[in-house]
Amino acid sequence: MTSQRPFEPFERTTVSERVRDDIYNRIVSGELQPGKQLAAERALAEQFGVARTSVREAIQALVALGVIERRGNRSYVVEQIPDSELPAADGGKKKMRSLLEARRVLELELFELAASRATSRERNDLLDLARQPTPTTLDEFNLIDRQFHSSIAGACANQVLVEVYGRVLETLVQADLSAELILGIDEGADPAAAITQAANEHRVIADAFVRRDIPGMLEAVEAHLGQVEGRMSLLGTMSRRQQPLDAPATERTLGL
């Protein structure tokens, strides 16, 4: 009697990963030529029969792989395709969650130290930064957001922790976690409301920082970081709830 080959578990993949794999395979096969402009997120979502959040996550992953580049609000196949491999299922999300978790742990510790050690000048400078006019563009928000968080961390009087924190922030930047994704903004939508909310959260943190209200500041920081992590979790949940891709790959046209 011959022994039966054991069954093996299937690899779990999300809809965004299947979209990513489809586009990636078309790029490396030459079906999508270098320099080719992809259709807009809305059009791609309709062709794949999935939500735009799934398409957005797929594009983000392909940008991180270096096979897609963003020019304004549009996506293009890069002119020179790098040697790259697709990450394991859910690997990008797991890394992003790990980075956000590391940021949370470091920020809570750093900010608590900063709240007790900062000089009066550092406190007032942060308050001035938070009270600046609310940014009107995502680029301005990105700049001020990073400056705000780094300014508090720098006031903790522990250079080692500041350097570790800086590396985490830099890795987040390199991971191409866009402001649209962080703030939960659809492509082409007006970001004003989301930017205003984030700016108001900064002001609450800064006010508590100036008053040396450590519990109040940490509570505000927790709420602020929770908004980002909540959006990331929501995007992942929405992707997993989408229906499988039914249309054959040959019936979908991903370019313009």
Protein backbone atom coordinates (compact mmCIF):
# COMPACT_ATOMS: atom_id res chain seq x y z
CA MET A 1 0.00 0.00 0.00
CA THR A 2 1.48 3.29 -1.05
CA SER A 3 1.60 6.16 1.39
CA GLN A 4 -0.60 9.14 0.61
CA ARG A 5 1.06 12.48 0.07
CA PRO A 6 0.01 14.74 2.98
CA PHE A 7 -2.25 17.68 2.37
CA GLU A 8 -0.67 21.10 2.79
CA PRO A 9 -2.37 24.30 3.93
CA PHE A 10 -3.17 26.95 1.36
CA GLU A 11 -1.36 30.27 1.63
CA ARG A 12 -3.80 32.91 2.83
CA THR A 13 -3.86 35.98 0.63
CA THR A 14 -5.92 39.13 0.63
CA VAL A 15 -7.63 40.75 -2.34
CA SER A 16 -5.05 43.56 -2.43
CA GLU A 17 -2.26 40.97 -2.68
CA ARG A 18 -4.01 39.28 -5.60
CA VAL A 19 -4.36 42.64 -7.35
CA ARG A 20 -0.69 43.36 -6.62
CA ASP A 21 0.38 39.97 -7.99
CA ASP A 22 -1.67 40.40 -11.18
CA ILE A 23 -0.20 43.82 -11.96
CA TYR A 24 3.31 42.72 -11.00
CA ASN A 25 3.19 39.67 -13.26
CA ARG A 26 2.03 41.81 -16.19
CA ILE A 27 4.95 44.17 -15.58
CA VAL A 28 7.68 41.50 -15.41
CA SER A 29 6.19 39.66 -18.41
CA GLY A 30 6.31 42.83 -20.49
CA GLU A 31 2.55 43.08 -20.97
CA LEU A 32 2.72 46.41 -19.14
CA GLN A 33 5.62 48.21 -20.79
CA PRO A 34 8.10 50.53 -18.97
CA GLY A 35 6.68 54.03 -18.77
CA LYS A 36 3.10 52.78 -19.18
CA GLN A 37 0.54 54.78 -17.23
CA LEU A 38 -1.88 52.70 -15.21
CA ALA A 39 -5.55 53.50 -15.19
CA ALA A 40 -6.85 55.52 -12.23
CA GLU A 41 -7.67 53.72 -8.99
CA ARG A 42 -11.40 53.96 -9.62
CA ALA A 43 -11.08 52.39 -13.09
CA LEU A 44 -8.77 49.64 -11.80
CA ALA A 45 -11.18 48.87 -8.97
CA GLU A 46 -14.02 48.49 -11.48
CA GLN A 47 -11.93 46.24 -13.75
CA PHE A 48 -10.86 43.98 -10.88
CA GLY A 49 -14.27 44.10 -9.22
CA VAL A 50 -12.82 45.15 -5.87
CA ALA A 51 -12.82 48.17 -3.58
CA ARG A 52 -10.51 51.12 -4.26
CA THR A 53 -8.79 50.50 -0.91
CA SER A 54 -7.59 47.15 -2.24
CA VAL A 55 -6.21 48.79 -5.39
CA ARG A 56 -4.56 51.53 -3.33
CA GLU A 57 -2.81 48.99 -1.08
CA ALA A 58 -1.66 47.04 -4.14
CA ILE A 59 -0.20 50.16 -5.76
CA GLN A 60 1.55 51.11 -2.50
CA ALA A 61 3.17 47.67 -2.38
CA LEU A 62 4.31 47.92 -6.01
CA VAL A 63 5.78 51.37 -5.38
CA ALA A 64 7.72 49.93 -2.43
CA LEU A 65 9.00 47.16 -4.73
CA GLY A 66 10.24 49.79 -7.17
CA VAL A 67 8.21 48.64 -10.19
CA ILE A 68 5.63 51.44 -10.04
CA GLU A 69 6.29 55.13 -9.50
CA ARG A 70 3.88 57.92 -8.58
CA ARG A 71 3.79 61.15 -10.57
CA GLY A 72 1.28 63.42 -8.95
CA ASN A 73 -1.89 61.38 -8.54
CA ARG A 74 -1.10 58.88 -11.32
CA SER A 75 0.87 55.63 -11.37
CA TYR A 76 3.39 54.57 -14.01
CA VAL A 77 5.51 51.50 -14.66
CA VAL A 78 9.12 52.50 -13.99
CA GLU A 79 11.43 52.86 -16.99
CA GLN A 80 14.00 50.44 -15.55
CA ILE A 81 12.48 47.35 -13.90
CA PRO A 82 14.58 46.38 -10.85
CA ASP A 83 15.36 42.83 -9.80
CA SER A 84 12.69 42.28 -7.18
CA GLU A 85 10.48 39.59 -5.74
CA LEU A 86 7.00 39.79 -4.33
CA PRO A 87 6.89 39.61 -0.54
CA ALA A 88 5.21 36.75 1.27
CA ALA A 89 1.47 36.97 1.81
CA ASP A 90 0.59 39.87 4.09
CA GLY A 91 4.30 40.60 4.62
CA GLY A 92 3.94 44.29 3.80
CA LYS A 93 1.05 44.77 6.21
CA LYS A 94 2.83 42.87 8.96
CA LYS A 95 5.91 45.05 8.55
CA MET A 96 3.80 48.19 8.58
CA ARG A 97 1.96 47.09 11.71
CA SER A 98 5.32 46.32 13.33
CA LEU A 99 6.64 49.76 12.44
CA LEU A 100 3.53 51.47 13.78
CA GLU A 101 3.73 49.39 16.96
CA ALA A 102 7.40 50.36 17.41
CA ARG A 103 6.52 54.00 16.84
CA ARG A 104 3.77 53.83 19.47
CA VAL A 105 6.02 52.23 22.11
CA LEU A 106 8.86 54.67 21.47
CA GLU A 107 6.68 57.76 21.30
CA LEU A 108 4.87 57.07 24.55
CA GLU A 109 8.17 56.60 26.37
CA LEU A 110 9.93 59.49 24.64
CA PHE A 111 7.03 61.89 25.05
CA GLU A 112 6.63 61.06 28.73
CA LEU A 113 10.32 61.81 29.29
CA ALA A 114 10.06 64.97 27.20
CA ALA A 115 7.03 66.19 29.13
CA SER A 116 9.04 66.11 32.35
CA ARG A 117 12.44 67.23 30.98
CA ALA A 118 11.72 69.80 28.26
CA THR A 119 12.86 73.37 28.72
CA SER A 120 10.41 76.25 28.65
CA ARG A 121 11.74 77.25 25.25
CA GLU A 122 11.18 73.75 23.83
CA ARG A 123 7.62 73.75 25.16
CA ASN A 124 6.82 77.15 23.72
CA ASP A 125 8.44 76.31 20.38
CA LEU A 126 6.24 73.22 20.07
CA LEU A 127 3.14 75.22 20.95
CA ASP A 128 4.04 77.77 18.28
CA LEU A 129 4.46 74.95 15.75
CA ALA A 130 1.09 73.43 16.65
CA ARG A 131 -0.64 76.81 16.43
CA GLN A 132 0.61 77.58 12.94
CA PRO A 133 -2.09 77.84 10.28
CA THR A 134 -3.48 74.44 9.41
CA PRO A 135 -1.70 72.98 6.35
CA THR A 136 -3.69 73.08 3.13
CA THR A 137 -1.84 70.33 1.24
CA LEU A 138 -0.71 66.81 2.06
CA ASP A 139 2.93 67.74 1.41
CA GLU A 140 2.72 70.52 3.99
CA PHE A 141 1.01 68.20 6.45
CA ASN A 142 3.72 65.54 6.04
CA LEU A 143 6.45 68.09 6.76
CA ILE A 144 4.78 69.62 9.81
CA ASP A 145 3.64 66.24 11.18
CA ARG A 146 7.16 64.86 11.18
CA GLN A 147 8.59 68.10 12.59
CA PHE A 148 6.00 68.07 15.37
CA HIS A 149 6.67 64.51 16.51
CA SER A 150 10.45 64.86 16.17
CA SER A 151 10.45 68.09 18.19
CA ILE A 152 8.81 66.42 21.16
CA ALA A 153 11.13 63.41 20.94
CA GLY A 154 14.15 65.68 20.80
CA ALA A 155 13.21 67.22 24.14
CA CYS A 156 13.55 63.91 26.04
CA ALA A 157 17.28 64.49 26.69
CA ASN A 158 18.20 60.94 25.64
CA GLN A 159 20.08 60.94 22.35
CA VAL A 160 20.12 57.14 22.01
CA LEU A 161 16.32 56.93 22.16
CA VAL A 162 16.03 59.87 19.75
CA GLU A 163 18.29 58.11 17.21
CA VAL A 164 16.32 54.85 17.44
CA TYR A 165 13.07 56.77 17.03
CA GLY A 166 14.49 58.62 14.04
CA ARG A 167 15.34 55.35 12.33
CA VAL A 168 11.77 54.11 12.81
CA LEU A 169 10.37 57.31 11.29
CA GLU A 170 12.80 57.07 8.38
CA THR A 171 11.77 53.48 7.71
CA LEU A 172 8.13 54.55 7.67
CA VAL A 173 9.00 57.20 5.08
CA GLN A 174 10.91 54.65 2.95
CA ALA A 175 7.94 52.27 3.19
CA ASP A 176 6.01 54.93 1.25
CA LEU A 177 3.14 55.04 3.71
CA SER A 178 1.37 57.92 2.00
CA ALA A 179 -0.45 60.70 3.81
CA GLU A 180 -3.60 59.69 1.93
CA LEU A 181 -3.40 56.21 3.44
CA ILE A 182 -2.56 57.49 6.94
CA LEU A 183 -5.43 59.95 6.92
CA GLY A 184 -7.86 57.61 5.17
CA ILE A 185 -8.36 59.88 2.14
CA ASP A 186 -9.67 58.51 -1.15
CA GLU A 187 -7.70 59.35 -4.30
CA GLY A 188 -8.73 62.76 -5.57
CA ALA A 189 -10.78 63.59 -2.46
CA ASP A 190 -10.40 66.86 -0.56
CA PRO A 191 -7.99 66.21 2.35
CA ALA A 192 -8.95 69.39 4.26
CA ALA A 193 -11.15 67.73 6.90
CA ALA A 194 -8.66 64.97 7.69
CA ILE A 195 -5.74 67.42 7.87
CA THR A 196 -7.73 69.72 10.16
CA GLN A 197 -8.51 66.84 12.51
CA ALA A 198 -4.85 65.81 12.72
CA ALA A 199 -3.77 69.43 13.28
CA ASN A 200 -6.30 69.81 16.10
CA GLU A 201 -4.92 66.62 17.71
CA HIS A 202 -1.45 68.17 17.56
CA ARG A 203 -2.73 71.26 19.38
CA VAL A 204 -4.25 69.19 22.17
CA ILE A 205 -0.93 67.37 22.64
CA ALA A 206 1.03 70.64 22.60
CA ASP A 207 -1.28 72.30 25.13
CA ALA A 208 -0.81 69.42 27.58
CA PHE A 209 2.95 69.47 26.90
CA VAL A 210 3.23 73.14 27.81
CA ARG A 211 1.17 72.64 30.99
CA ARG A 212 3.38 69.67 31.99
CA ASP A 213 0.21 67.59 32.11
CA ILE A 214 1.85 64.21 31.51
CA PRO A 215 -1.31 62.03 31.87
CA GLY A 216 -3.29 64.38 29.64
CA MET A 217 -0.54 64.47 27.04
CA LEU A 218 -0.14 60.68 26.93
CA GLU A 219 -3.89 60.26 26.59
CA ALA A 220 -3.90 62.69 23.66
CA VAL A 221 -0.92 60.91 22.04
CA GLU A 222 -2.65 57.53 22.43
CA ALA A 223 -5.76 58.91 20.74
CA HIS A 224 -3.69 60.49 17.95
CA LEU A 225 -1.73 57.31 17.19
CA GLY A 226 -4.87 55.22 17.56
CA GLN A 227 -6.45 57.13 14.69
CA VAL A 228 -3.61 56.09 12.35
CA GLU A 229 -3.56 52.46 13.49
CA GLY A 230 -7.35 52.29 13.32
CA ARG A 231 -7.33 53.44 9.71
CA MET A 232 -4.69 50.83 8.82
CA SER A 233 -6.70 48.07 10.50
CA LEU A 234 -9.88 49.24 8.76
CA LEU A 235 -8.20 49.14 5.38
CA GLY A 236 -6.99 45.60 6.04
CA THR A 237 -10.45 44.50 7.17
CA MET A 238 -12.12 46.06 4.14
CA SER A 239 -9.70 44.25 1.83
CA ARG A 240 -10.32 40.88 3.45
CA ARG A 241 -14.09 41.33 3.12
CA GLN A 242 -13.99 41.84 -0.65
CA GLN A 243 -15.23 39.08 -2.93
CA PRO A 244 -12.71 36.98 -4.90
CA LEU A 245 -11.56 38.19 -8.30
CA ASP A 246 -13.83 36.49 -10.80
CA ALA A 247 -12.92 38.15 -14.08
CA PRO A 248 -10.14 36.38 -16.04
CA ALA A 249 -6.90 38.34 -16.19
CA THR A 250 -7.07 38.50 -20.00
CA GLU A 251 -10.33 40.42 -19.81
CA ARG A 252 -8.89 43.27 -17.79
CA THR A 253 -7.01 46.19 -19.30
CA LEU A 254 -4.91 47.86 -16.65
CA GLY A 255 -3.47 50.69 -18.70
CA LEU A 256 -5.28 53.71 -20.04
